[in-house]
Amino acid sequence: MRVSVIVSTYNQPRWLQKMLWGFEQQTHKDFELIIADDGSGEETRVVIQDFQKKSPLTIIHVRQEDNGFQKTKILNKAILASKEQYLIFTDGDCIPRKDFVATHLRYHKKGVFLSGGYFKLPMDISRRISQVVIEQQHCFDPAWLLEQGLEKSFKLNKLSARGCKQKLLNTLTPTKATWDGNNASGWREDILAVNGFDERMQYGGEDREMGERLMNYGVTPLQIRYSAITIHLDHPRGYVTDDMIIKNKKIRKFTKKHKIVKTAYGILKSK
């Protein structure tokens, strides 16, 4: 099955490069990669063009001008640019494990969206991850990460769990299955039915709000946070303001209270 993978990015060319190396390692190779670029500068354009020329990946660059944090708007544009029936979403600061696309396809089914997991790294180890490390998948190996100085924790099970243990942890985790923008997937027709992302929203729960509308629409979330894994690279978030968080919380509260399915501020705008 061919799928569309949508990746959001903003002025993180080094991390985007590592993410692209990660997608070059995928065991399931039949996908298009749509980079949803929220107004990045020249360095990002150069990275993308270089991969478009040299990489076996099918890369589509969808960009809008920089007008502050407008991730929801560029994601909606990327959804419209997608050609396939099934959509996988992640971020340009996340490196996908080689089975990332294959795992989403293994669990996907009608009437369901998938909620994957991520393992967050500190800045020093994020910088140390090279193309060779990604090609050899060392960054997903707990032993390698511990050698780099990472503190041991239960969260390492996200990287090491296999088979029955993986299924058990997916079932027992207290974390609810939600639409997290760095690792989630669903049917294009369902996403269009709820009108995509609410473009009033900026940073803080904007991805989850769409997932809540999908659930109101009747789509069931499935937890695969110990099965579909990305490595989350560290970076500052200077674009976040308290006003963004407050506004987004109000919109999410309204969505939940009134069981909103289709936003009037999404892909199609109400007149």
Protein backbone atom coordinates (compact mmCIF):
# COMPACT_ATOMS: atom_id res chain seq x y z
CA MET A 1 0.00 0.00 0.00
CA ARG A 2 1.27 3.45 -0.93
CA VAL A 3 0.86 6.22 1.67
CA SER A 4 1.55 9.92 2.15
CA VAL A 5 3.83 10.96 5.01
CA ILE A 6 3.37 14.59 6.09
CA VAL A 7 6.23 16.24 8.00
CA SER A 8 6.02 19.70 9.55
CA THR A 9 9.14 21.85 9.82
CA TYR A 10 10.30 25.36 10.64
CA ASN A 11 13.92 26.54 10.48
CA GLN A 12 15.57 23.37 11.75
CA PRO A 13 17.60 22.28 8.71
CA ARG A 14 20.06 20.08 10.63
CA TRP A 15 17.27 18.17 12.35
CA LEU A 16 15.32 17.97 9.07
CA GLN A 17 18.35 16.42 7.39
CA LYS A 18 18.52 13.73 10.09
CA MET A 19 14.81 13.07 9.74
CA LEU A 20 15.22 12.60 5.97
CA TRP A 21 18.09 10.17 6.52
CA GLY A 22 15.71 8.25 8.76
CA PHE A 23 13.10 8.00 6.03
CA GLU A 24 15.72 6.72 3.62
CA GLN A 25 16.10 3.67 5.89
CA GLN A 26 12.42 2.66 5.87
CA THR A 27 11.68 -1.01 5.22
CA HIS A 28 8.41 0.00 3.52
CA LYS A 29 9.50 2.31 0.73
CA ASP A 30 6.27 2.97 -1.17
CA PHE A 31 5.39 6.41 0.18
CA GLU A 32 5.50 10.07 -0.78
CA LEU A 33 7.03 12.50 1.70
CA ILE A 34 5.36 15.91 1.93
CA ILE A 35 7.34 18.54 3.84
CA ALA A 36 4.92 21.08 5.35
CA ASP A 37 7.20 24.10 5.73
CA ASP A 38 5.88 26.93 7.92
CA GLY A 39 8.07 29.63 6.34
CA SER A 40 11.63 28.35 6.82
CA GLY A 41 14.62 30.16 5.35
CA GLU A 42 17.21 29.40 2.70
CA GLU A 43 19.07 26.66 4.62
CA THR A 44 15.96 24.52 4.78
CA ARG A 45 15.28 25.01 1.08
CA VAL A 46 18.82 23.92 0.23
CA VAL A 47 18.52 20.76 2.37
CA ILE A 48 15.25 19.81 0.72
CA GLN A 49 16.47 20.49 -2.81
CA ASP A 50 19.61 18.47 -2.18
CA PHE A 51 17.55 15.45 -1.09
CA GLN A 52 15.16 15.91 -4.01
CA LYS A 53 18.13 15.65 -6.40
CA LYS A 54 20.08 12.83 -4.74
CA SER A 55 17.70 10.78 -2.60
CA PRO A 56 15.46 7.89 -3.69
CA LEU A 57 12.70 9.52 -1.63
CA THR A 58 9.75 11.14 -3.37
CA ILE A 59 9.75 14.57 -1.71
CA ILE A 60 7.15 17.32 -2.17
CA HIS A 61 7.91 20.71 -0.59
CA VAL A 62 4.81 22.67 0.45
CA ARG A 63 5.78 26.06 1.86
CA GLN A 64 4.05 29.22 3.10
CA GLU A 65 5.52 32.57 4.07
CA ASP A 66 6.67 33.07 7.65
CA ASN A 67 3.87 34.74 9.59
CA GLY A 68 4.48 33.39 13.07
CA PHE A 69 3.52 29.91 14.25
CA GLN A 70 1.03 28.72 11.62
CA LYS A 71 1.56 24.96 11.70
CA THR A 72 -2.14 24.18 11.36
CA LYS A 73 -2.37 26.18 8.11
CA ILE A 74 0.60 24.52 6.44
CA LEU A 75 -0.57 21.06 7.53
CA ASN A 76 -3.93 21.70 5.88
CA LYS A 77 -2.12 22.71 2.68
CA ALA A 78 -0.05 19.53 2.87
CA ILE A 79 -3.18 17.41 3.31
CA LEU A 80 -4.62 18.91 0.13
CA ALA A 81 -1.32 18.22 -1.66
CA SER A 82 -1.30 14.56 -0.59
CA LYS A 83 -2.22 11.95 -3.19
CA GLU A 84 -2.79 8.81 -1.11
CA GLN A 85 -5.73 7.52 0.92
CA TYR A 86 -3.76 6.99 4.14
CA LEU A 87 -1.77 9.77 5.86
CA ILE A 88 1.04 9.47 8.41
CA PHE A 89 2.10 12.61 10.33
CA THR A 90 5.37 13.43 12.06
CA ASP A 91 7.64 16.43 12.71
CA GLY A 92 10.93 17.50 11.17
CA ASP A 93 12.68 17.19 14.55
CA CYS A 94 11.86 13.47 14.80
CA ILE A 95 13.89 10.60 13.33
CA PRO A 96 11.70 7.62 12.39
CA ARG A 97 12.85 4.10 13.20
CA LYS A 98 13.26 1.99 10.06
CA ASP A 99 9.94 0.18 10.68
CA PHE A 100 8.00 3.43 11.24
CA VAL A 101 5.95 3.43 8.01
CA ALA A 102 5.60 -0.37 8.01
CA THR A 103 4.27 -0.35 11.58
CA HIS A 104 1.63 2.26 10.84
CA LEU A 105 0.50 0.18 7.89
CA ARG A 106 0.47 -3.02 9.94
CA TYR A 107 -1.97 -1.55 12.47
CA HIS A 108 -4.09 0.67 10.23
CA LYS A 109 -7.73 -0.18 9.65
CA LYS A 110 -10.98 1.54 8.81
CA GLY A 111 -12.62 3.58 11.56
CA VAL A 112 -9.36 3.96 13.51
CA PHE A 113 -6.54 6.47 13.88
CA LEU A 114 -3.17 5.47 15.31
CA SER A 115 -1.31 7.15 18.17
CA GLY A 116 2.43 6.40 18.06
CA GLY A 117 5.24 7.15 20.48
CA TYR A 118 8.46 9.13 20.69
CA PHE A 119 11.63 9.04 22.75
CA LYS A 120 13.00 12.47 23.61
CA LEU A 121 16.77 13.03 23.63
CA PRO A 122 18.81 15.80 25.30
CA MET A 123 20.60 18.33 23.11
CA ASP A 124 24.10 16.85 23.42
CA ILE A 125 23.04 13.42 22.14
CA SER A 126 20.74 14.98 19.52
CA ARG A 127 23.78 16.75 18.04
CA ARG A 128 25.89 13.58 18.13
CA ILE A 129 23.57 11.58 15.88
CA SER A 130 25.17 11.31 12.45
CA GLN A 131 24.07 9.83 9.14
CA VAL A 132 26.00 6.64 9.92
CA VAL A 133 24.35 6.36 13.35
CA ILE A 134 20.95 6.63 11.67
CA GLU A 135 21.82 4.18 8.90
CA GLN A 136 22.97 1.65 11.50
CA GLN A 137 19.96 2.50 13.75
CA HIS A 138 22.20 3.00 16.80
CA CYS A 139 20.06 5.95 17.94
CA PHE A 140 17.25 3.43 18.61
CA ASP A 141 19.54 1.13 20.59
CA PRO A 142 19.31 1.68 24.39
CA ALA A 143 22.88 0.39 24.85
CA TRP A 144 24.27 3.01 22.44
CA LEU A 145 22.26 5.79 24.07
CA LEU A 146 23.48 4.79 27.54
CA GLU A 147 27.06 4.87 26.23
CA GLN A 148 26.41 8.48 25.15
CA GLY A 149 25.51 9.39 28.72
CA LEU A 150 21.73 9.01 28.67
CA GLU A 151 20.24 8.23 32.08
CA LYS A 152 18.56 4.84 32.36
CA SER A 153 14.77 4.98 32.69
CA PHE A 154 11.61 2.94 32.11
CA LYS A 155 11.01 4.97 28.94
CA LEU A 156 13.80 3.02 27.23
CA ASN A 157 11.22 0.25 26.87
CA LYS A 158 9.81 2.29 23.99
CA LEU A 159 12.97 1.40 22.08
CA SER A 160 13.60 -2.14 23.33
CA ALA A 161 10.13 -3.71 23.70
CA ARG A 162 9.30 -6.39 21.16
CA GLY A 163 6.58 -8.96 20.61
CA CYS A 164 4.31 -9.71 23.57
CA LYS A 165 6.00 -7.12 25.79
CA GLN A 166 5.35 -4.44 23.19
CA LYS A 167 1.65 -5.35 22.96
CA LEU A 168 1.34 -5.50 26.75
CA LEU A 169 2.88 -2.05 27.21
CA ASN A 170 0.63 -0.58 24.51
CA THR A 171 -2.34 -1.94 26.46
CA LEU A 172 -1.24 -1.06 29.99
CA THR A 173 0.22 2.41 29.41
CA PRO A 174 -1.76 5.02 31.40
CA THR A 175 -1.29 7.51 28.55
CA LYS A 176 -4.45 7.88 26.48
CA ALA A 177 -4.29 7.38 22.73
CA THR A 178 -4.40 10.90 21.25
CA TRP A 179 -3.51 12.53 17.96
CA ASP A 180 0.07 13.67 18.60
CA GLY A 181 1.52 15.52 15.64
CA ASN A 182 4.94 13.90 15.86
CA ASN A 183 3.57 10.38 15.39
CA ALA A 184 0.00 9.73 14.28
CA SER A 185 -1.84 8.42 11.24
CA GLY A 186 -5.33 8.17 9.83
CA TRP A 187 -7.47 7.99 6.73
CA ARG A 188 -7.47 11.03 4.48
CA GLU A 189 -11.24 10.84 4.07
CA ASP A 190 -11.74 11.01 7.86
CA ILE A 191 -9.40 13.99 8.19
CA LEU A 192 -11.22 15.79 5.39
CA ALA A 193 -14.58 14.94 7.00
CA VAL A 194 -13.60 16.91 10.14
CA ASN A 195 -12.12 19.67 7.92
CA GLY A 196 -8.51 19.13 8.96
CA PHE A 197 -6.78 21.28 11.55
CA ASP A 198 -8.38 24.34 13.16
CA GLU A 199 -6.34 27.24 11.76
CA ARG A 200 -7.14 29.52 14.68
CA MET A 201 -4.88 27.36 16.81
CA GLN A 202 -1.16 27.86 17.26
CA TYR A 203 1.18 25.96 19.62
CA GLY A 204 -0.31 23.80 22.35
CA GLY A 205 -2.73 20.96 21.72
CA GLU A 206 -3.53 21.93 18.13
CA ASP A 207 -2.90 18.37 16.95
CA ARG A 208 -4.90 16.79 19.76
CA GLU A 209 -7.88 19.02 19.03
CA MET A 210 -8.21 17.52 15.57
CA GLY A 211 -7.96 14.06 17.13
CA GLU A 212 -10.78 14.97 19.50
CA ARG A 213 -12.95 15.93 16.55
CA LEU A 214 -12.06 12.67 14.83
CA MET A 215 -13.26 10.83 17.94
CA ASN A 216 -16.47 12.91 17.93
CA TYR A 217 -16.88 11.81 14.31
CA GLY A 218 -16.69 8.18 15.43
CA VAL A 219 -13.06 7.33 14.70
CA THR A 220 -11.47 5.17 17.41
CA PRO A 221 -7.92 5.96 18.58
CA LEU A 222 -5.53 3.00 18.87
CA GLN A 223 -2.46 3.15 21.10
CA ILE A 224 0.80 2.01 19.42
CA ARG A 225 3.28 4.16 21.36
CA TYR A 226 5.57 1.18 22.02
CA SER A 227 5.36 -0.04 18.40
CA ALA A 228 5.70 2.99 16.10
CA ILE A 229 8.69 4.96 17.36
CA THR A 230 10.51 8.20 16.56
CA ILE A 231 13.51 9.80 18.24
CA HIS A 232 12.63 13.38 19.23
CA LEU A 233 15.60 15.75 18.90
CA ASP A 234 15.91 18.59 21.37
CA HIS A 235 15.46 22.25 20.38
CA PRO A 236 14.34 25.56 21.91
CA ARG A 237 10.75 26.75 21.49
CA GLY A 238 11.06 30.51 21.41
CA TYR A 239 7.86 30.82 19.41
CA VAL A 240 5.61 29.69 22.29
CA THR A 241 3.58 32.32 24.22
CA ASP A 242 1.11 32.06 27.08
CA ASP A 243 -1.58 33.59 24.87
CA MET A 244 -1.28 30.67 22.43
CA ILE A 245 -1.76 28.13 25.19
CA ILE A 246 -4.75 29.95 26.72
CA LYS A 247 -6.49 30.39 23.36
CA ASN A 248 -5.96 26.75 22.38
CA LYS A 249 -7.30 25.48 25.70
CA LYS A 250 -10.52 27.45 25.17
CA ILE A 251 -10.98 25.99 21.69
CA ARG A 252 -10.34 22.44 22.92
CA LYS A 253 -12.75 22.92 25.83
CA PHE A 254 -15.45 24.08 23.40
CA THR A 255 -14.76 21.13 21.07
CA LYS A 256 -15.15 18.64 23.92
CA LYS A 257 -18.19 20.28 25.52
CA HIS A 258 -20.17 20.62 22.30
CA LYS A 259 -18.78 17.46 20.64
CA ILE A 260 -17.68 19.45 17.60
CA VAL A 261 -16.89 17.33 14.55
CA LYS A 262 -16.17 19.77 11.74
CA THR A 263 -14.30 22.98 12.41
CA ALA A 264 -15.41 26.09 10.54
CA TYR A 265 -11.78 27.25 10.49
CA GLY A 266 -10.11 24.35 8.70
CA ILE A 267 -9.36 23.37 5.12
CA LEU A 268 -12.70 24.74 3.92
CA LYS A 269 -13.68 28.08 5.45
CA SER A 270 -17.27 28.97 6.35
CA LYS A 271 -18.62 31.96 4.46
